[in-house]
Amino acid sequence: MARTAPLTITDAAAERVKTLLAKRGKPAAGIRIGVRSKGCSGLSYTLEYADERTPYDEVVEEKGVTVLIDPKATMFILGTEMDWVEDKMQNGFVFRNPNEKGRCGCGESFHV
């Protein structure tokens, strides 16, 4: 039975990740997504270059990119869609997470 990926990646997000990794100037295993305590709602997403995979990373390989999910973040991220949005007001990664119960007013943090 096929296992559902904990995270889906839109075409726009995959292209942006490819661009960031190409500009980095040194090899990477992919990007790592995590969560940390921050903001008025409790949690915030983090993104960083991953130089290597750790044994407990959840690995999502989709659309030509590798996204590693920090094991402490997996339960908060299950079912999330990662997108890249560019408009007049902002440029950045957007996470559409069905587990979120609320967000702060500035949109920087969330809670589940």
C-alpha atoms as a PDB file:
ATOM      1  CA  MET A   1       0.000   0.000   0.000  1.00  0.00           C
ATOM      2  CA  ALA A   2       1.401   3.412  -0.984  1.00  0.00           C
ATOM      3  CA  ARG A   3       2.140   5.793   1.832  1.00  0.00           C
ATOM      4  CA  THR A   4       0.892   9.379   1.617  1.00  0.00           C
ATOM      5  CA  ALA A   5       3.655  11.972   1.688  1.00  0.00           C
ATOM      6  CA  PRO A   6       3.606  14.159   4.814  1.00  0.00           C
ATOM      7  CA  LEU A   7       4.102  17.254   2.633  1.00  0.00           C
ATOM      8  CA  THR A   8       3.179  18.186  -0.925  1.00  0.00           C
ATOM      9  CA  ILE A   9       5.113  20.716  -2.956  1.00  0.00           C
ATOM     10  CA  THR A  10       3.615  22.949  -5.632  1.00  0.00           C
ATOM     11  CA  ASP A  11       5.378  23.530  -8.947  1.00  0.00           C
ATOM     12  CA  ALA A  12       6.175  27.120  -7.899  1.00  0.00           C
ATOM     13  CA  ALA A  13       7.735  25.980  -4.610  1.00  0.00           C
ATOM     14  CA  ALA A  14       9.789  23.298  -6.362  1.00  0.00           C
ATOM     15  CA  GLU A  15      11.135  25.822  -8.870  1.00  0.00           C
ATOM     16  CA  ARG A  16      12.038  28.259  -6.085  1.00  0.00           C
ATOM     17  CA  VAL A  17      13.835  25.537  -4.108  1.00  0.00           C
ATOM     18  CA  LYS A  18      15.797  24.571  -7.241  1.00  0.00           C
ATOM     19  CA  THR A  19      16.783  28.218  -7.749  1.00  0.00           C
ATOM     20  CA  LEU A  20      17.885  28.651  -4.125  1.00  0.00           C
ATOM     21  CA  LEU A  21      19.933  25.452  -4.168  1.00  0.00           C
ATOM     22  CA  ALA A  22      21.597  26.441  -7.471  1.00  0.00           C
ATOM     23  CA  LYS A  23      22.538  29.886  -6.070  1.00  0.00           C
ATOM     24  CA  ARG A  24      23.941  28.407  -2.868  1.00  0.00           C
ATOM     25  CA  GLY A  25      27.282  27.584  -4.448  1.00  0.00           C
ATOM     26  CA  LYS A  26      27.875  24.292  -2.666  1.00  0.00           C
ATOM     27  CA  PRO A  27      26.127  20.916  -2.692  1.00  0.00           C
ATOM     28  CA  ALA A  28      23.150  20.314  -0.431  1.00  0.00           C
ATOM     29  CA  ALA A  29      21.068  17.281   0.463  1.00  0.00           C
ATOM     30  CA  GLY A  30      18.014  19.537   0.046  1.00  0.00           C
ATOM     31  CA  ILE A  31      16.196  21.940   2.293  1.00  0.00           C
ATOM     32  CA  ARG A  32      14.993  21.174   5.807  1.00  0.00           C
ATOM     33  CA  ILE A  33      11.657  22.300   7.198  1.00  0.00           C
ATOM     34  CA  GLY A  34      11.095  22.555  10.901  1.00  0.00           C
ATOM     35  CA  VAL A  35       8.987  24.382  13.436  1.00  0.00           C
ATOM     36  CA  ARG A  36      10.057  26.355  16.464  1.00  0.00           C
ATOM     37  CA  SER A  37       8.367  28.203  19.290  1.00  0.00           C
ATOM     38  CA  LYS A  38       7.875  31.775  18.158  1.00  0.00           C
ATOM     39  CA  GLY A  39       5.355  34.548  17.819  1.00  0.00           C
ATOM     40  CA  CYS A  40       2.068  35.253  19.496  1.00  0.00           C
ATOM     41  CA  SER A  41       0.404  32.047  18.272  1.00  0.00           C
ATOM     42  CA  GLY A  42       3.114  29.630  19.364  1.00  0.00           C
ATOM     43  CA  LEU A  43       4.868  28.024  16.370  1.00  0.00           C
ATOM     44  CA  SER A  44       6.675  29.229  13.272  1.00  0.00           C
ATOM     45  CA  TYR A  45       7.981  27.360  10.232  1.00  0.00           C
ATOM     46  CA  THR A  46      11.733  27.296   9.634  1.00  0.00           C
ATOM     47  CA  LEU A  47      13.614  26.612   6.400  1.00  0.00           C
ATOM     48  CA  GLU A  48      17.331  25.997   6.057  1.00  0.00           C
ATOM     49  CA  TYR A  49      19.777  24.342   3.717  1.00  0.00           C
ATOM     50  CA  ALA A  50      20.454  20.733   4.656  1.00  0.00           C
ATOM     51  CA  ASP A  51      24.046  19.651   4.145  1.00  0.00           C
ATOM     52  CA  GLU A  52      23.162  16.045   4.930  1.00  0.00           C
ATOM     53  CA  ARG A  53      20.249  13.822   5.838  1.00  0.00           C
ATOM     54  CA  THR A  54      19.909  12.699   9.412  1.00  0.00           C
ATOM     55  CA  PRO A  55      18.647   9.178  10.161  1.00  0.00           C
ATOM     56  CA  TYR A  56      15.327  10.467  11.504  1.00  0.00           C
ATOM     57  CA  ASP A  57      14.483  13.050   8.823  1.00  0.00           C
ATOM     58  CA  GLU A  58      11.242  12.476   6.962  1.00  0.00           C
ATOM     59  CA  VAL A  59      12.249  12.693   3.283  1.00  0.00           C
ATOM     60  CA  VAL A  60       9.969  14.065   0.573  1.00  0.00           C
ATOM     61  CA  GLU A  61      11.313  13.833  -2.966  1.00  0.00           C
ATOM     62  CA  GLU A  62       8.928  15.496  -5.352  1.00  0.00           C
ATOM     63  CA  LYS A  63       9.196  17.489  -8.588  1.00  0.00           C
ATOM     64  CA  GLY A  64      12.970  17.230  -8.663  1.00  0.00           C
ATOM     65  CA  VAL A  65      13.613  18.573  -5.158  1.00  0.00           C
ATOM     66  CA  THR A  66      14.356  16.978  -1.809  1.00  0.00           C
ATOM     67  CA  VAL A  67      12.697  18.374   1.297  1.00  0.00           C
ATOM     68  CA  LEU A  68      13.727  16.993   4.669  1.00  0.00           C
ATOM     69  CA  ILE A  69      11.324  17.384   7.557  1.00  0.00           C
ATOM     70  CA  ASP A  70      12.859  17.700  10.990  1.00  0.00           C
ATOM     71  CA  PRO A  71      11.562  14.758  13.065  1.00  0.00           C
ATOM     72  CA  LYS A  72      10.329  17.129  15.795  1.00  0.00           C
ATOM     73  CA  ALA A  73       8.200  18.951  13.200  1.00  0.00           C
ATOM     74  CA  THR A  74       6.598  15.993  11.417  1.00  0.00           C
ATOM     75  CA  MET A  75       3.472  15.830  13.567  1.00  0.00           C
ATOM     76  CA  PHE A  76       2.829  19.557  12.992  1.00  0.00           C
ATOM     77  CA  ILE A  77       3.368  19.381   9.227  1.00  0.00           C
ATOM     78  CA  LEU A  78       1.434  16.244   8.168  1.00  0.00           C
ATOM     79  CA  GLY A  79      -0.830  17.039   5.211  1.00  0.00           C
ATOM     80  CA  THR A  80       0.709  20.465   4.541  1.00  0.00           C
ATOM     81  CA  GLU A  81       1.135  21.976   1.080  1.00  0.00           C
ATOM     82  CA  MET A  82       4.266  24.060   0.532  1.00  0.00           C
ATOM     83  CA  ASP A  83       3.883  26.838  -2.059  1.00  0.00           C
ATOM     84  CA  TRP A  84       5.871  29.837  -3.295  1.00  0.00           C
ATOM     85  CA  VAL A  85       3.887  33.060  -3.716  1.00  0.00           C
ATOM     86  CA  GLU A  86       4.950  36.282  -5.419  1.00  0.00           C
ATOM     87  CA  ASP A  87       2.616  39.258  -5.438  1.00  0.00           C
ATOM     88  CA  LYS A  88       2.661  43.000  -4.773  1.00  0.00           C
ATOM     89  CA  MET A  89       2.611  42.561  -1.009  1.00  0.00           C
ATOM     90  CA  GLN A  90       4.975  39.628  -0.424  1.00  0.00           C
ATOM     91  CA  ASN A  91       7.305  37.019  -1.823  1.00  0.00           C
ATOM     92  CA  GLY A  92       7.825  33.850   0.111  1.00  0.00           C
ATOM     93  CA  PHE A  93       7.007  30.291   0.937  1.00  0.00           C
ATOM     94  CA  VAL A  94       3.458  29.694   2.121  1.00  0.00           C
ATOM     95  CA  PHE A  95       2.395  26.636   4.087  1.00  0.00           C
ATOM     96  CA  ARG A  96      -1.224  25.526   3.811  1.00  0.00           C
ATOM     97  CA  ASN A  97      -1.563  23.315   6.844  1.00  0.00           C
ATOM     98  CA  PRO A  98      -4.886  21.548   7.548  1.00  0.00           C
ATOM     99  CA  ASN A  99      -3.789  20.995  11.163  1.00  0.00           C
ATOM    100  CA  GLU A 100      -3.635  24.697  12.002  1.00  0.00           C
ATOM    101  CA  LYS A 101      -6.255  25.813  14.458  1.00  0.00           C
ATOM    102  CA  GLY A 102      -5.316  29.480  14.181  1.00  0.00           C
ATOM    103  CA  ARG A 103      -2.739  32.056  13.116  1.00  0.00           C
ATOM    104  CA  CYS A 104      -1.587  35.290  14.651  1.00  0.00           C
ATOM    105  CA  GLY A 105      -2.654  38.570  13.058  1.00  0.00           C
ATOM    106  CA  CYS A 106       0.683  39.149  11.330  1.00  0.00           C
ATOM    107  CA  GLY A 107       0.622  35.623   9.862  1.00  0.00           C
ATOM    108  CA  GLU A 108       4.057  34.736  11.193  1.00  0.00           C
ATOM    109  CA  SER A 109       3.043  32.050  13.666  1.00  0.00           C
ATOM    110  CA  PHE A 110       0.383  29.382  14.072  1.00  0.00           C
ATOM    111  CA  HIS A 111      -0.968  26.845  16.541  1.00  0.00           C
ATOM    112  CA  VAL A 112      -2.365  23.328  16.173  1.00  0.00           C
END
